[in-house]
Protein backbone atom coordinates (compact mmCIF):
# COMPACT_ATOMS: atom_id res chain seq x y z
CA UNK A 1 -0.05 -0.19 -0.14
CA UNK A 2 0.93 3.72 -0.79
CA UNK A 3 0.90 5.29 2.53
CA UNK A 4 -0.10 9.13 2.69
CA UNK A 5 1.11 11.46 5.50
CA UNK A 6 1.63 14.54 6.03
CA UNK A 7 4.66 16.98 6.07
CA UNK A 8 5.68 18.16 9.67
CA UNK A 9 4.52 15.07 11.21
CA UNK A 10 7.00 12.49 13.36
CA UNK A 11 5.85 10.02 10.55
CA UNK A 12 7.53 12.15 8.33
CA UNK A 13 10.63 12.26 10.24
CA UNK A 14 10.63 8.45 10.58
CA UNK A 15 10.34 8.25 7.24
CA UNK A 16 12.94 10.27 6.04
CA UNK A 17 15.37 8.82 8.73
CA UNK A 18 14.61 5.05 7.33
CA UNK A 19 15.23 6.06 3.75
CA UNK A 20 18.60 7.65 4.80
CA UNK A 21 19.81 3.83 6.49
CA UNK A 22 18.98 2.76 2.92
CA UNK A 23 22.98 3.45 1.97
CA UNK A 24 24.36 2.09 5.10
CA UNK A 25 27.48 -0.12 3.88
CA UNK A 26 28.88 -1.00 7.41
CA UNK A 27 27.54 -4.22 7.20
CA UNK A 28 30.69 -6.33 8.66
CA UNK A 29 29.35 -9.72 7.51
CA UNK A 30 29.48 -8.43 3.70
CA UNK A 31 32.89 -6.12 4.68
CA UNK A 32 33.84 -9.68 5.68
CA UNK A 33 33.70 -11.76 2.51
CA UNK A 34 34.45 -8.76 0.05
CA UNK A 35 37.55 -8.71 2.07
CA UNK A 36 38.45 -11.78 1.89
CA UNK A 37 37.80 -12.53 -2.22
CA UNK A 38 39.75 -9.01 -2.73
CA UNK A 39 42.84 -10.49 -1.23
CA UNK A 40 42.91 -13.68 -2.83
CA UNK A 41 42.21 -12.33 -6.37
CA UNK A 42 45.19 -10.09 -5.66
CA UNK A 43 47.39 -12.74 -4.54
CA UNK A 44 45.76 -15.74 -6.83
CA UNK A 45 44.74 -13.76 -9.75
CA UNK A 46 43.19 -15.33 -12.54
CA UNK A 47 43.30 -18.36 -11.06
CA UNK A 48 40.69 -17.04 -8.29
CA UNK A 49 38.46 -15.16 -11.10
CA UNK A 50 37.94 -18.73 -12.35
CA UNK A 51 37.19 -20.60 -8.74
CA UNK A 52 34.98 -17.53 -8.24
CA UNK A 53 32.80 -17.77 -11.13
CA UNK A 54 33.05 -21.75 -10.75
CA UNK A 55 31.48 -20.80 -7.41
CA UNK A 56 28.82 -17.78 -8.01
CA UNK A 57 27.85 -17.95 -12.05
CA UNK A 58 27.48 -21.53 -11.73
CA UNK A 59 29.60 -21.37 -15.15
CA UNK A 60 31.80 -24.56 -15.93
CA UNK A 61 35.48 -23.68 -16.13
CA UNK A 62 36.27 -25.96 -17.95
CA UNK A 63 35.07 -24.24 -20.81
CA UNK A 64 35.34 -20.64 -20.00
CA UNK A 65 37.47 -17.73 -20.73
CA UNK A 66 37.82 -14.51 -19.62
CA UNK A 67 38.83 -12.45 -22.08
CA UNK A 68 35.78 -12.39 -24.86
CA UNK A 69 36.76 -13.04 -28.04
CA UNK A 70 35.97 -10.96 -30.92
CA UNK A 71 34.30 -13.67 -33.13
CA UNK A 72 32.17 -13.74 -30.02
CA UNK A 73 31.35 -9.74 -30.71
CA UNK A 74 30.43 -10.48 -33.86
CA UNK A 75 28.66 -13.28 -33.31
CA UNK A 76 26.18 -11.45 -31.06
CA UNK A 77 25.66 -9.00 -33.37
CA UNK A 78 23.65 -12.09 -35.37
CA UNK A 79 21.78 -12.61 -31.99
CA UNK A 80 20.22 -9.12 -31.36
CA UNK A 81 17.43 -7.78 -32.42
CA UNK A 82 17.77 -5.12 -35.34
CA UNK A 83 15.05 -2.53 -34.25
CA UNK A 84 16.80 -2.49 -30.65
CA UNK A 85 20.27 -2.36 -32.38
CA UNK A 86 18.71 0.82 -34.25
CA UNK A 87 17.41 2.04 -31.30
CA UNK A 88 20.86 1.67 -29.12
CA UNK A 89 22.56 3.98 -32.31
CA UNK A 90 20.16 6.12 -31.76
CA UNK A 91 20.31 6.69 -27.72
CA UNK A 92 24.49 6.00 -28.66
CA UNK A 93 24.21 9.72 -30.80
CA UNK A 94 21.78 11.72 -28.19
CA UNK A 95 24.65 10.95 -25.12
CA UNK A 96 28.01 11.76 -27.60
CA UNK A 97 26.35 14.73 -28.91
CA UNK A 98 25.51 15.51 -24.98
CA UNK A 99 28.63 14.85 -23.75
CA UNK A 100 30.64 15.94 -26.57
CA UNK A 101 29.68 19.65 -24.58
CA UNK A 102 31.56 18.55 -21.41
CA UNK A 103 34.89 18.69 -23.31
CA UNK A 104 37.84 21.10 -21.59
CA UNK A 105 40.58 22.12 -22.98
CA UNK A 106 44.14 22.44 -22.04
CA UNK A 107 45.34 26.14 -21.37
CA UNK A 108 47.77 28.88 -20.81
CA UNK A 109 47.76 32.28 -19.24
CA UNK A 110 50.85 34.49 -19.34
CA UNK A 111 51.68 37.84 -17.69
CA UNK A 112 53.64 40.85 -18.56
CA UNK A 113 55.59 40.34 -14.88
CA UNK A 114 57.21 37.08 -16.90
CA UNK A 115 54.65 34.72 -14.57
CA UNK A 116 53.20 31.74 -16.81
CA UNK A 117 50.10 29.58 -15.20
CA UNK A 118 48.29 27.15 -17.06
CA UNK A 119 46.16 23.58 -16.26
CA UNK A 120 46.72 20.70 -18.79
CA UNK A 121 43.35 18.19 -19.20
CA UNK A 122 44.88 14.77 -19.49
CA UNK A 123 42.57 11.48 -19.89
CA UNK A 124 42.97 9.02 -17.74
CA UNK A 125 45.54 5.73 -19.69
CA UNK A 126 42.79 2.75 -19.11
CA UNK A 127 39.56 2.48 -17.28
CA UNK A 128 37.26 -0.37 -16.39
CA UNK A 129 33.48 -0.09 -16.52
CA UNK A 130 31.50 -2.73 -14.66
CA UNK A 131 28.17 -3.96 -16.05
CA UNK A 132 25.94 -5.89 -13.66
CA UNK A 133 24.34 -8.98 -15.14
CA UNK A 134 22.10 -11.06 -13.69
CA UNK A 135 18.18 -11.71 -15.57
CA UNK A 136 18.01 -7.96 -17.31
CA UNK A 137 20.81 -6.86 -19.39
CA UNK A 138 21.82 -3.41 -18.46
CA UNK A 139 22.73 -1.99 -22.35
CA UNK A 140 21.50 1.88 -21.31
CA UNK A 141 24.44 1.07 -18.37
CA UNK A 142 26.85 0.17 -20.95
CA UNK A 143 26.44 3.40 -22.89
CA UNK A 144 26.04 5.74 -20.16
CA UNK A 145 29.80 4.79 -18.70
CA UNK A 146 31.71 4.00 -21.59
CA UNK A 147 30.79 7.11 -24.13
CA UNK A 148 31.99 9.63 -21.86
CA UNK A 149 35.21 7.94 -21.24
CA UNK A 150 35.28 7.40 -24.46
CA UNK A 151 34.89 10.94 -25.51
CA UNK A 152 37.56 12.20 -22.88
CA UNK A 153 40.20 10.00 -24.89
CA UNK A 154 40.71 7.36 -22.51
CA UNK A 155 43.31 4.79 -23.82
CA UNK A 156 41.68 1.83 -23.17
CA UNK A 157 38.55 0.80 -21.92
CA UNK A 158 38.32 -2.55 -20.22
CA UNK A 159 34.32 -3.90 -19.72
CA UNK A 160 33.55 -6.64 -16.77
CA UNK A 161 30.24 -8.30 -16.69
CA UNK A 162 29.02 -11.63 -15.11
CA UNK A 163 29.18 -14.72 -17.48
CA UNK A 164 25.79 -16.27 -17.72
CA UNK A 165 25.36 -19.95 -16.79
CA UNK A 166 27.01 -21.07 -20.67
CA UNK A 167 29.92 -18.91 -19.90
CA UNK A 168 29.02 -16.60 -22.51
CA UNK A 169 27.66 -13.03 -21.98
CA UNK A 170 24.42 -11.33 -22.96
CA UNK A 171 24.61 -10.92 -26.77
CA UNK A 172 22.95 -7.51 -26.31
CA UNK A 173 25.51 -6.17 -23.53
CA UNK A 174 28.43 -7.20 -26.09
CA UNK A 175 26.78 -5.66 -29.45
CA UNK A 176 26.47 -2.17 -27.17
CA UNK A 177 29.96 -2.67 -25.93
CA UNK A 178 31.06 -2.86 -29.47
CA UNK A 179 28.68 0.10 -30.46
CA UNK A 180 30.17 2.48 -27.34
CA UNK A 181 33.78 1.67 -27.42
CA UNK A 182 34.82 -0.72 -25.67
CA UNK A 183 38.37 -2.06 -26.18
CA UNK A 184 38.32 -4.90 -24.00
CA UNK A 185 35.70 -6.77 -22.62
CA UNK A 186 36.32 -9.73 -19.84
CA UNK A 187 33.56 -12.41 -18.65
CA UNK A 188 33.99 -12.37 -14.73
CA UNK A 189 31.55 -10.04 -12.44
CA UNK A 190 30.91 -9.58 -9.03
CA UNK A 191 33.42 -8.22 -6.25
CA UNK A 192 36.02 -10.13 -8.23
CA UNK A 193 36.02 -7.64 -10.79
CA UNK A 194 36.30 -5.16 -8.83
CA UNK A 195 39.69 -7.04 -6.84
CA UNK A 196 40.94 -7.68 -10.57
CA UNK A 197 40.05 -4.22 -12.26
CA UNK A 198 41.97 -2.71 -8.90
CA UNK A 199 44.90 -4.96 -8.63
CA UNK A 200 45.28 -6.78 -12.03
CA UNK A 201 46.15 -10.50 -12.71
CA UNK A 202 47.61 -12.44 -15.02
CA UNK A 203 45.00 -11.67 -18.11
CA UNK A 204 42.89 -8.39 -16.59
CA UNK A 205 45.21 -5.03 -16.68
CA UNK A 206 45.23 -2.42 -13.55
CA UNK A 207 43.00 0.15 -14.18
CA UNK A 208 43.27 3.57 -13.47
CA UNK A 209 39.65 4.26 -12.25
CA UNK A 210 36.67 2.11 -11.65
CA UNK A 211 33.15 3.30 -12.98
CA UNK A 212 29.37 1.33 -13.82
CA UNK A 213 26.55 -0.23 -10.80
CA UNK A 214 26.39 -3.10 -8.88
CA UNK A 215 24.87 -5.13 -5.85
CA UNK A 216 26.45 -3.97 -2.61
CA UNK A 217 29.26 -6.72 -2.77
CA UNK A 218 30.43 -4.68 -5.73
CA UNK A 219 29.61 -1.47 -3.99
CA UNK A 220 31.44 -2.43 -0.85
CA UNK A 221 34.54 -4.30 -2.67
CA UNK A 222 34.44 -0.14 -5.01
CA UNK A 223 34.56 1.68 -1.57
CA UNK A 224 37.31 -0.77 -0.36
CA UNK A 225 39.98 -0.24 -3.24
CA UNK A 226 39.19 3.34 -3.96
CA UNK A 227 42.80 4.99 -3.01
CA UNK A 228 44.15 2.17 -5.20
CA UNK A 229 42.22 2.98 -7.90
CA UNK A 230 39.53 5.86 -8.70
CA UNK A 231 35.59 4.73 -8.78
CA UNK A 232 32.98 6.94 -10.29
CA UNK A 233 30.91 7.68 -6.71
CA UNK A 234 29.53 5.50 -3.95
CA UNK A 235 26.24 4.85 -4.89
CA UNK A 236 23.07 3.07 -3.29
CA UNK A 237 19.17 2.34 -4.05
CA UNK A 238 17.55 4.46 -6.30
CA UNK A 239 15.07 6.70 -5.84
CA UNK A 240 12.88 9.62 -7.44
CA UNK A 241 11.05 12.34 -6.08
CA UNK A 242 7.78 14.01 -7.78
CA UNK A 243 6.70 17.29 -6.85
CA UNK A 244 2.79 17.47 -8.18
CA UNK A 245 0.03 20.17 -7.86
CA UNK A 246 -3.51 19.25 -8.79
CA UNK A 247 -2.98 20.07 -12.58
CA UNK A 248 -0.24 17.06 -12.61
CA UNK A 249 -2.08 13.62 -14.28
CA UNK A 250 -2.16 10.80 -11.96
CA UNK A 251 -1.79 8.38 -14.25
CA UNK A 252 1.37 9.76 -15.40
CA UNK A 253 2.78 10.70 -11.69
CA UNK A 254 1.44 6.76 -10.60
CA UNK A 255 3.71 5.04 -13.99
CA UNK A 256 6.85 7.12 -12.77
CA UNK A 257 6.80 6.14 -9.08
CA UNK A 258 6.50 2.53 -10.16
CA UNK A 259 8.94 2.92 -12.87
CA UNK A 260 11.74 3.10 -9.77
CA UNK A 261 9.88 0.80 -7.51
CA UNK A 262 11.30 -1.58 -9.39
CA UNK A 263 14.19 -1.63 -9.86
CA UNK A 264 14.89 -2.75 -5.80
CA UNK A 265 12.54 -3.69 -2.86
CA UNK A 266 15.25 -0.81 -1.39
CA UNK A 267 14.39 1.69 -4.00
CA UNK A 268 12.26 4.94 -2.92
CA UNK A 269 9.23 6.53 -4.48
CA UNK A 270 8.30 9.41 -3.14
CA UNK A 271 5.83 12.05 -4.05
CA UNK A 272 5.41 15.29 -2.64
CA UNK A 273 2.21 17.72 -3.28
CA UNK A 274 -0.46 20.09 -1.80
CA UNK A 275 -3.56 18.15 -3.46
CA UNK A 276 -4.73 15.49 -0.76
CA UNK A 277 -7.10 14.31 -4.28
CA UNK A 278 -4.14 13.81 -6.08
CA UNK A 279 -2.53 11.42 -3.90
CA UNK A 280 -5.74 9.29 -3.61
CA UNK A 281 -5.96 9.43 -7.31
CA UNK A 282 -1.97 8.14 -7.24
CA UNK A 283 -2.39 5.82 -5.24
CA UNK A 284 -5.72 4.14 -6.83
CA UNK A 285 -3.08 4.46 -9.70
CA UNK A 286 -0.36 2.53 -8.24
CA UNK A 287 -2.49 -0.19 -7.20
CA UNK A 288 -4.01 -0.26 -10.30
CA UNK A 289 -1.17 -0.28 -12.82
CA UNK A 290 1.56 -2.93 -10.66
CA UNK A 291 -0.92 -5.76 -11.01
CA UNK A 292 0.43 -5.78 -14.82
CA UNK A 293 3.98 -4.92 -14.39
CA UNK A 294 6.30 -8.25 -14.64
CA UNK A 295 7.88 -7.32 -11.22
CA UNK A 296 5.17 -6.65 -9.34
CA UNK A 297 7.00 -8.32 -6.39
CA UNK A 298 9.48 -6.24 -6.14
CA UNK A 299 7.45 -2.94 -6.58
CA UNK A 300 5.21 -4.15 -4.25
CA UNK A 301 8.21 -4.37 -1.45
CA UNK A 302 9.54 -1.12 -2.85
CA UNK A 303 6.65 0.78 -2.48
CA UNK A 304 4.97 -0.74 0.65
CA UNK A 305 8.16 -0.03 2.30
CA UNK A 306 9.72 3.33 0.86
CA UNK A 307 6.74 4.59 -1.57
CA UNK A 308 5.50 7.37 0.41
CA UNK A 309 2.72 10.54 -0.68
CA UNK A 310 3.91 13.52 1.36
CA UNK A 311 1.07 16.32 1.61
CA UNK A 312 2.73 20.00 2.00
CA UNK A 313 1.42 23.17 2.23
CA UNK A 314 2.72 24.22 -1.14
CA UNK A 315 4.87 24.07 -3.53
CA UNK A 316 7.57 26.19 -2.15
CA UNK A 317 7.45 23.14 0.65
CA UNK A 318 8.04 20.95 -1.39
CA UNK A 319 11.18 22.24 -2.77
CA UNK A 320 12.45 22.60 0.84
CA UNK A 321 12.32 19.12 1.39
CA UNK A 322 14.10 18.07 -2.41
CA UNK A 323 16.53 20.45 -0.92
CA UNK A 324 17.26 18.74 2.61
CA UNK A 325 17.03 15.30 0.86
CA UNK A 326 19.15 15.58 -2.37
CA UNK A 327 17.15 13.00 -4.45
CA UNK A 328 18.96 10.86 -7.25
CA UNK A 329 16.05 11.92 -9.86
CA UNK A 330 13.31 14.53 -9.61
CA UNK A 331 10.14 15.46 -11.77
CA UNK A 332 8.16 18.75 -11.82
CA UNK A 333 4.98 18.16 -12.75
CA UNK A 334 3.56 21.73 -12.41
CA UNK A 335 1.40 23.88 -13.31
CA UNK A 336 4.69 26.56 -13.63
CA UNK A 337 7.70 23.83 -13.71
CA UNK A 338 10.09 26.41 -14.90
CA UNK A 339 9.48 29.11 -12.10
CA UNK A 340 10.92 27.06 -9.56
CA UNK A 341 13.58 25.44 -11.59
CA UNK A 342 15.77 28.39 -10.13
CA UNK A 343 15.09 27.57 -6.12
CA UNK A 344 16.38 23.18 -6.61
CA UNK A 345 19.81 23.19 -5.45
CA UNK A 346 19.98 19.93 -4.72
CA UNK A 347 19.30 16.89 -7.33
CA UNK A 348 21.08 14.54 -9.52
CA UNK A 349 19.17 14.99 -12.73
CA UNK A 350 15.86 17.16 -13.09
CA UNK A 351 12.89 16.34 -15.56
CA UNK A 352 10.46 19.01 -16.56
CA UNK A 353 7.02 18.59 -17.35
CA UNK A 354 4.49 15.74 -17.56
CA UNK A 355 6.23 14.46 -20.91
CA UNK A 356 9.35 14.02 -19.94
CA UNK A 357 9.70 10.98 -17.65
CA UNK A 358 12.12 9.33 -15.99
CA UNK A 359 12.70 7.03 -17.95
CA UNK A 360 13.47 9.10 -21.25
CA UNK A 361 16.68 10.58 -18.79
CA UNK A 362 17.51 6.57 -18.18
CA UNK A 363 17.88 5.80 -22.02
CA UNK A 364 17.47 8.47 -24.62
CA UNK A 365 17.51 11.64 -23.80
CA UNK A 366 21.64 12.26 -23.74
CA UNK A 367 21.84 13.45 -20.06
CA UNK A 368 23.97 10.39 -18.08
CA UNK A 369 22.14 8.69 -15.57
CA UNK A 370 24.74 7.63 -13.44
CA UNK A 371 23.48 9.52 -10.80
CA UNK A 372 24.25 10.54 -6.63
CA UNK A 373 21.97 8.67 -4.49
CA UNK A 374 21.20 8.60 -0.95
CA UNK A 375 21.10 12.13 -0.50
CA UNK A 376 24.82 12.86 -2.39
CA UNK A 377 23.88 15.03 -4.36
CA UNK A 378 24.77 17.65 -2.13
CA UNK A 379 28.21 17.46 -3.06
CA UNK A 380 27.96 14.51 -6.28
CA UNK A 381 27.08 15.25 -9.67
CA UNK A 382 26.00 13.46 -12.64
CA UNK A 383 29.13 10.83 -14.43
CA UNK A 384 31.13 12.92 -16.84
CA UNK A 385 33.64 13.17 -19.12
CA UNK A 386 35.04 15.37 -16.51
CA UNK A 387 35.16 12.16 -14.52
CA UNK A 388 37.90 10.54 -16.73
CA UNK A 389 40.55 13.51 -16.91
CA UNK A 390 43.24 14.39 -14.31
CA UNK A 391 44.44 18.61 -14.33
CA UNK A 392 47.34 19.39 -13.88
CA UNK A 393 49.39 22.43 -13.32
CA UNK A 394 51.78 24.64 -14.68
CA UNK A 395 53.71 26.54 -13.66
CA UNK A 396 56.60 28.96 -14.77
CA UNK A 397 58.29 32.53 -13.05
CA UNK A 398 61.26 33.77 -14.34
CA UNK A 399 64.14 35.33 -12.12
CA UNK A 400 62.68 38.55 -12.42
CA UNK A 401 59.00 37.55 -11.20
CA UNK A 402 60.69 35.63 -8.48
CA UNK A 403 62.32 38.53 -7.27
CA UNK A 404 59.30 40.12 -6.73
CA UNK A 405 57.86 36.92 -4.38
CA UNK A 406 60.78 36.13 -3.28
CA UNK A 407 60.53 38.11 0.26
CA UNK A 408 56.63 36.71 0.34
CA UNK A 409 57.56 32.99 -0.09
CA UNK A 410 60.21 33.11 2.30
CA UNK A 411 58.03 34.49 5.28
CA UNK A 412 55.48 31.76 4.57
CA UNK A 413 58.14 29.23 4.28
CA UNK A 414 59.53 30.61 7.89
CA UNK A 415 55.98 31.06 9.33
CA UNK A 416 55.48 27.47 8.93
CA UNK A 417 59.18 26.41 10.19
CA UNK A 418 59.89 25.13 7.29
CA UNK A 419 63.61 26.38 6.61
CA UNK A 420 64.23 24.42 3.38
CA UNK A 421 61.82 25.88 1.66
CA UNK A 422 62.74 29.10 2.13
CA UNK A 423 66.33 28.49 1.53
CA UNK A 424 65.12 26.85 -1.78
CA UNK A 425 64.60 30.65 -2.54
CA UNK A 426 66.60 32.27 -0.50
CA UNK A 427 70.21 30.46 -2.52
CA UNK A 428 68.89 31.96 -6.02
CA UNK A 429 69.57 35.50 -4.92
CA UNK A 430 72.40 34.73 -2.71
């Protein structure tokens, strides 16, 4: 049942506390298991990967290879629906077009006083992309993670994804990876794949950064290897918040809330509205629509635990709540959505109007669907080209320029008690 509560009540406070606890990644049992996997892969490399693939993916590893061969990729094109492939290619164009606007260029600034300063932008050399397996091939994740890395100029993009029981990768994932520009693909998943990317094995190269979604074991592994290499973000369960007034269509609102609820029993679907009538209509629609959806059991758990309609006094109050919870996806289904757009400070992605449904962003529009969750939109941003670039400062002083600045620099060094720093300046003028 989709529960209806009022803002400012203890019930609302308890709900938001419960919401924040979804992202806790301090499960000792899981951390212990993941640490053991990482240590084993670090020590034994490919051998450990074969053992875990046999154990967790039920793959006969006597007939299985880690690295996907070119012939398997070409075979995938024979097994993917041609109409779906056309859709993938159109989405790819939109994603490329959007991310190409994010490219930053190196710059150099020269001053008359003999000072030259600058910043160099250099792509990461090698990046690992994790793509979940399971029953549904997440082909959109392939596009969203590989394309910005490709546009950034990453030299080598390594994709890892769990094999099916026959040891092969879903053909839709393989074909999409090839379309997006993956350089190498490996059939391995779970925490063991993250460990392989972070430390390298006999077959899989060590990477500079790991991106891509995964289950709690994958997320925990990424957290543990952070510092050995970079990662995209600490991701938790998905969420959507919809601000709606009495002009919103309850059929659309319900459908969009359900679109997030089907992800995971921990996914959150929240409606903020001043209209009590709308909440009742939306609740009825959720009950009606969910009966015909394939993942209705997951949806039922998600809606019961983390689905809420919160009745607010005004749309402005709804905006204030959004800025506090910093939701991953935010939909604005109000009469004048652009009038409140400027007031929204914290959200991963904002969808404006009744026909900007969240799945438009998930699959097709162009902006990246790898978004900050669990309130981290307060300080994290969507995945972008800049996530695959490192920046290096450039400094050049002439003798004249350093002479003018030397006394200030020496004072700083001596104030900090670092006399060798001060001496490095002094010796140049003795």
